[in-house]
């Protein structure tokens, strides 16, 4: 039984249930590539369990934006190549699009037009 306490015995089950609850809440908020709700939850769902990955992705996107002569010419493949160095689990175009939209909406608004243009 749970009784509000996380123990060694119930940790895996409680964690799974909490993930499912958060996923349900994100879905109720319209979570999608076009409307990203939680990057942390999205990454966790992909199997990324390193809590530093989110910050590294934001930092890399900002770095790419400022190092590009014309950020609007950046492609999904450009981000895919760099993000894969941060986590090999980030490989598909949909993931890149979700990540960039989330970064543009919640961390670095200048990247949002780039995120829209690559979609």
C-alpha atoms as a PDB file:
ATOM      1  CA  UNK A   1       0.000   0.000   0.000  1.00  0.00           C
ATOM      2  CA  UNK A   2       1.134   3.521  -0.756  1.00  0.00           C
ATOM      3  CA  UNK A   3      -0.231   5.644   2.146  1.00  0.00           C
ATOM      4  CA  UNK A   4       1.691   8.650   0.784  1.00  0.00           C
ATOM      5  CA  UNK A   5       5.123   7.191   1.541  1.00  0.00           C
ATOM      6  CA  UNK A   6       7.674   6.267  -1.076  1.00  0.00           C
ATOM      7  CA  UNK A   7       9.755   3.296   0.006  1.00  0.00           C
ATOM      8  CA  UNK A   8      12.340   1.099  -1.675  1.00  0.00           C
ATOM      9  CA  UNK A   9       9.599  -1.443  -2.273  1.00  0.00           C
ATOM     10  CA  UNK A  10       7.082   0.857  -3.966  1.00  0.00           C
ATOM     11  CA  UNK A  11       9.399   3.422  -5.587  1.00  0.00           C
ATOM     12  CA  UNK A  12       9.178   2.006  -9.121  1.00  0.00           C
ATOM     13  CA  UNK A  13       5.382   1.698  -9.017  1.00  0.00           C
ATOM     14  CA  UNK A  14       4.856   5.151  -7.515  1.00  0.00           C
ATOM     15  CA  UNK A  15       7.237   6.714 -10.032  1.00  0.00           C
ATOM     16  CA  UNK A  16       5.397   5.049 -12.918  1.00  0.00           C
ATOM     17  CA  UNK A  17       2.025   6.214 -11.602  1.00  0.00           C
ATOM     18  CA  UNK A  18       3.291   9.775 -11.091  1.00  0.00           C
ATOM     19  CA  UNK A  19       4.662   9.821 -14.643  1.00  0.00           C
ATOM     20  CA  UNK A  20       1.325   8.621 -15.980  1.00  0.00           C
ATOM     21  CA  UNK A  21      -0.523  11.257 -13.931  1.00  0.00           C
ATOM     22  CA  UNK A  22       1.727  14.020 -15.268  1.00  0.00           C
ATOM     23  CA  UNK A  23       1.314  12.700 -18.800  1.00  0.00           C
ATOM     24  CA  UNK A  24      -2.468  12.776 -18.408  1.00  0.00           C
ATOM     25  CA  UNK A  25      -2.302  16.364 -17.144  1.00  0.00           C
ATOM     26  CA  UNK A  26      -0.110  17.408 -20.069  1.00  0.00           C
ATOM     27  CA  UNK A  27      -2.546  15.808 -22.502  1.00  0.00           C
ATOM     28  CA  UNK A  28      -5.429  17.645 -20.865  1.00  0.00           C
ATOM     29  CA  UNK A  29      -3.515  20.865 -21.551  1.00  0.00           C
ATOM     30  CA  UNK A  30      -3.277  19.991 -25.254  1.00  0.00           C
ATOM     31  CA  UNK A  31       0.325  18.787 -25.248  1.00  0.00           C
ATOM     32  CA  UNK A  32       1.500  18.381 -28.856  1.00  0.00           C
ATOM     33  CA  UNK A  33       4.330  19.462 -31.146  1.00  0.00           C
ATOM     34  CA  UNK A  34       2.311  22.577 -31.949  1.00  0.00           C
ATOM     35  CA  UNK A  35       1.638  23.279 -28.261  1.00  0.00           C
ATOM     36  CA  UNK A  36       4.421  21.842 -26.081  1.00  0.00           C
ATOM     37  CA  UNK A  37       3.570  21.717 -22.395  1.00  0.00           C
ATOM     38  CA  UNK A  38       6.499  20.084 -20.566  1.00  0.00           C
ATOM     39  CA  UNK A  39       9.946  19.466 -21.964  1.00  0.00           C
ATOM     40  CA  UNK A  40      10.957  17.487 -18.884  1.00  0.00           C
ATOM     41  CA  UNK A  41       8.006  15.141 -19.239  1.00  0.00           C
ATOM     42  CA  UNK A  42       8.586  14.830 -22.992  1.00  0.00           C
ATOM     43  CA  UNK A  43      12.254  13.911 -22.458  1.00  0.00           C
ATOM     44  CA  UNK A  44      11.400  11.453 -19.711  1.00  0.00           C
ATOM     45  CA  UNK A  45       8.875   9.803 -22.003  1.00  0.00           C
ATOM     46  CA  UNK A  46      11.656   9.381 -24.576  1.00  0.00           C
ATOM     47  CA  UNK A  47      13.802   7.634 -21.986  1.00  0.00           C
ATOM     48  CA  UNK A  48      16.019  10.608 -21.101  1.00  0.00           C
ATOM     49  CA  UNK A  49      16.450  10.499 -17.333  1.00  0.00           C
ATOM     50  CA  UNK A  50      19.396  12.897 -16.961  1.00  0.00           C
ATOM     51  CA  UNK A  51      18.019  16.060 -15.325  1.00  0.00           C
ATOM     52  CA  UNK A  52      20.762  18.204 -16.910  1.00  0.00           C
ATOM     53  CA  UNK A  53      19.711  17.453 -20.506  1.00  0.00           C
ATOM     54  CA  UNK A  54      16.956  20.082 -20.586  1.00  0.00           C
ATOM     55  CA  UNK A  55      19.341  22.899 -19.651  1.00  0.00           C
ATOM     56  CA  UNK A  56      21.936  21.610 -22.105  1.00  0.00           C
ATOM     57  CA  UNK A  57      19.388  21.636 -24.929  1.00  0.00           C
ATOM     58  CA  UNK A  58      18.359  25.204 -24.151  1.00  0.00           C
ATOM     59  CA  UNK A  59      21.996  26.302 -23.966  1.00  0.00           C
ATOM     60  CA  UNK A  60      22.837  24.591 -27.268  1.00  0.00           C
ATOM     61  CA  UNK A  61      19.825  26.108 -29.069  1.00  0.00           C
ATOM     62  CA  UNK A  62      20.769  29.600 -27.860  1.00  0.00           C
ATOM     63  CA  UNK A  63      24.394  29.009 -28.837  1.00  0.00           C
ATOM     64  CA  UNK A  64      23.358  27.852 -32.314  1.00  0.00           C
ATOM     65  CA  UNK A  65      21.081  30.855 -32.724  1.00  0.00           C
ATOM     66  CA  UNK A  66      23.782  33.382 -31.858  1.00  0.00           C
ATOM     67  CA  UNK A  67      26.566  31.645 -33.784  1.00  0.00           C
ATOM     68  CA  UNK A  68      24.555  31.475 -37.001  1.00  0.00           C
ATOM     69  CA  UNK A  69      24.859  34.249 -39.570  1.00  0.00           C
ATOM     70  CA  UNK A  70      21.180  33.762 -40.374  1.00  0.00           C
ATOM     71  CA  UNK A  71      19.324  31.742 -37.715  1.00  0.00           C
ATOM     72  CA  UNK A  72      16.326  31.408 -40.027  1.00  0.00           C
ATOM     73  CA  UNK A  73      18.470  29.184 -42.247  1.00  0.00           C
ATOM     74  CA  UNK A  74      19.057  26.649 -39.473  1.00  0.00           C
ATOM     75  CA  UNK A  75      17.464  23.296 -40.256  1.00  0.00           C
ATOM     76  CA  UNK A  76      16.013  20.451 -38.283  1.00  0.00           C
ATOM     77  CA  UNK A  77      19.099  18.456 -39.245  1.00  0.00           C
ATOM     78  CA  UNK A  78      21.393  21.150 -37.775  1.00  0.00           C
ATOM     79  CA  UNK A  79      19.642  20.897 -34.424  1.00  0.00           C
ATOM     80  CA  UNK A  80      19.346  17.116 -34.691  1.00  0.00           C
ATOM     81  CA  UNK A  81      23.109  16.775 -35.100  1.00  0.00           C
ATOM     82  CA  UNK A  82      23.873  18.965 -32.090  1.00  0.00           C
ATOM     83  CA  UNK A  83      21.113  17.642 -29.834  1.00  0.00           C
ATOM     84  CA  UNK A  84      22.185  14.045 -30.503  1.00  0.00           C
ATOM     85  CA  UNK A  85      25.544  14.941 -28.935  1.00  0.00           C
ATOM     86  CA  UNK A  86      23.676  15.880 -25.754  1.00  0.00           C
ATOM     87  CA  UNK A  87      21.504  12.758 -25.766  1.00  0.00           C
ATOM     88  CA  UNK A  88      21.568   9.988 -28.364  1.00  0.00           C
ATOM     89  CA  UNK A  89      17.867   9.419 -27.627  1.00  0.00           C
ATOM     90  CA  UNK A  90      16.966  12.679 -29.383  1.00  0.00           C
ATOM     91  CA  UNK A  91      16.957  11.564 -32.988  1.00  0.00           C
ATOM     92  CA  UNK A  92      13.670  12.188 -34.765  1.00  0.00           C
ATOM     93  CA  UNK A  93      12.380  15.355 -36.402  1.00  0.00           C
ATOM     94  CA  UNK A  94       9.254  15.488 -34.249  1.00  0.00           C
ATOM     95  CA  UNK A  95      11.347  15.569 -31.089  1.00  0.00           C
ATOM     96  CA  UNK A  96      13.473  18.401 -32.435  1.00  0.00           C
ATOM     97  CA  UNK A  97      10.368  20.363 -33.350  1.00  0.00           C
ATOM     98  CA  UNK A  98       8.802  19.841 -29.914  1.00  0.00           C
ATOM     99  CA  UNK A  99      12.023  20.834 -28.137  1.00  0.00           C
ATOM    100  CA  UNK A 100      12.560  23.983 -30.209  1.00  0.00           C
ATOM    101  CA  UNK A 101       8.963  25.128 -29.821  1.00  0.00           C
ATOM    102  CA  UNK A 102       9.147  24.602 -26.071  1.00  0.00           C
ATOM    103  CA  UNK A 103      12.417  26.532 -25.868  1.00  0.00           C
ATOM    104  CA  UNK A 104      10.911  29.316 -27.980  1.00  0.00           C
ATOM    105  CA  UNK A 105       7.774  29.546 -25.875  1.00  0.00           C
ATOM    106  CA  UNK A 106       9.238  29.240 -22.393  1.00  0.00           C
ATOM    107  CA  UNK A 107      12.958  30.116 -22.433  1.00  0.00           C
ATOM    108  CA  UNK A 108      14.249  31.917 -25.470  1.00  0.00           C
ATOM    109  CA  UNK A 109      11.576  33.641 -27.563  1.00  0.00           C
ATOM    110  CA  UNK A 110      13.996  34.467 -30.391  1.00  0.00           C
ATOM    111  CA  UNK A 111      14.168  30.761 -31.299  1.00  0.00           C
ATOM    112  CA  UNK A 112      10.402  30.497 -31.762  1.00  0.00           C
ATOM    113  CA  UNK A 113      10.368  31.854 -35.355  1.00  0.00           C
ATOM    114  CA  UNK A 114      13.158  29.411 -36.191  1.00  0.00           C
ATOM    115  CA  UNK A 115      11.118  26.569 -34.667  1.00  0.00           C
ATOM    116  CA  UNK A 116       8.084  27.565 -36.719  1.00  0.00           C
ATOM    117  CA  UNK A 117      10.081  27.882 -39.945  1.00  0.00           C
ATOM    118  CA  UNK A 118      11.527  24.370 -39.751  1.00  0.00           C
ATOM    119  CA  UNK A 119       8.101  22.837 -39.260  1.00  0.00           C
END
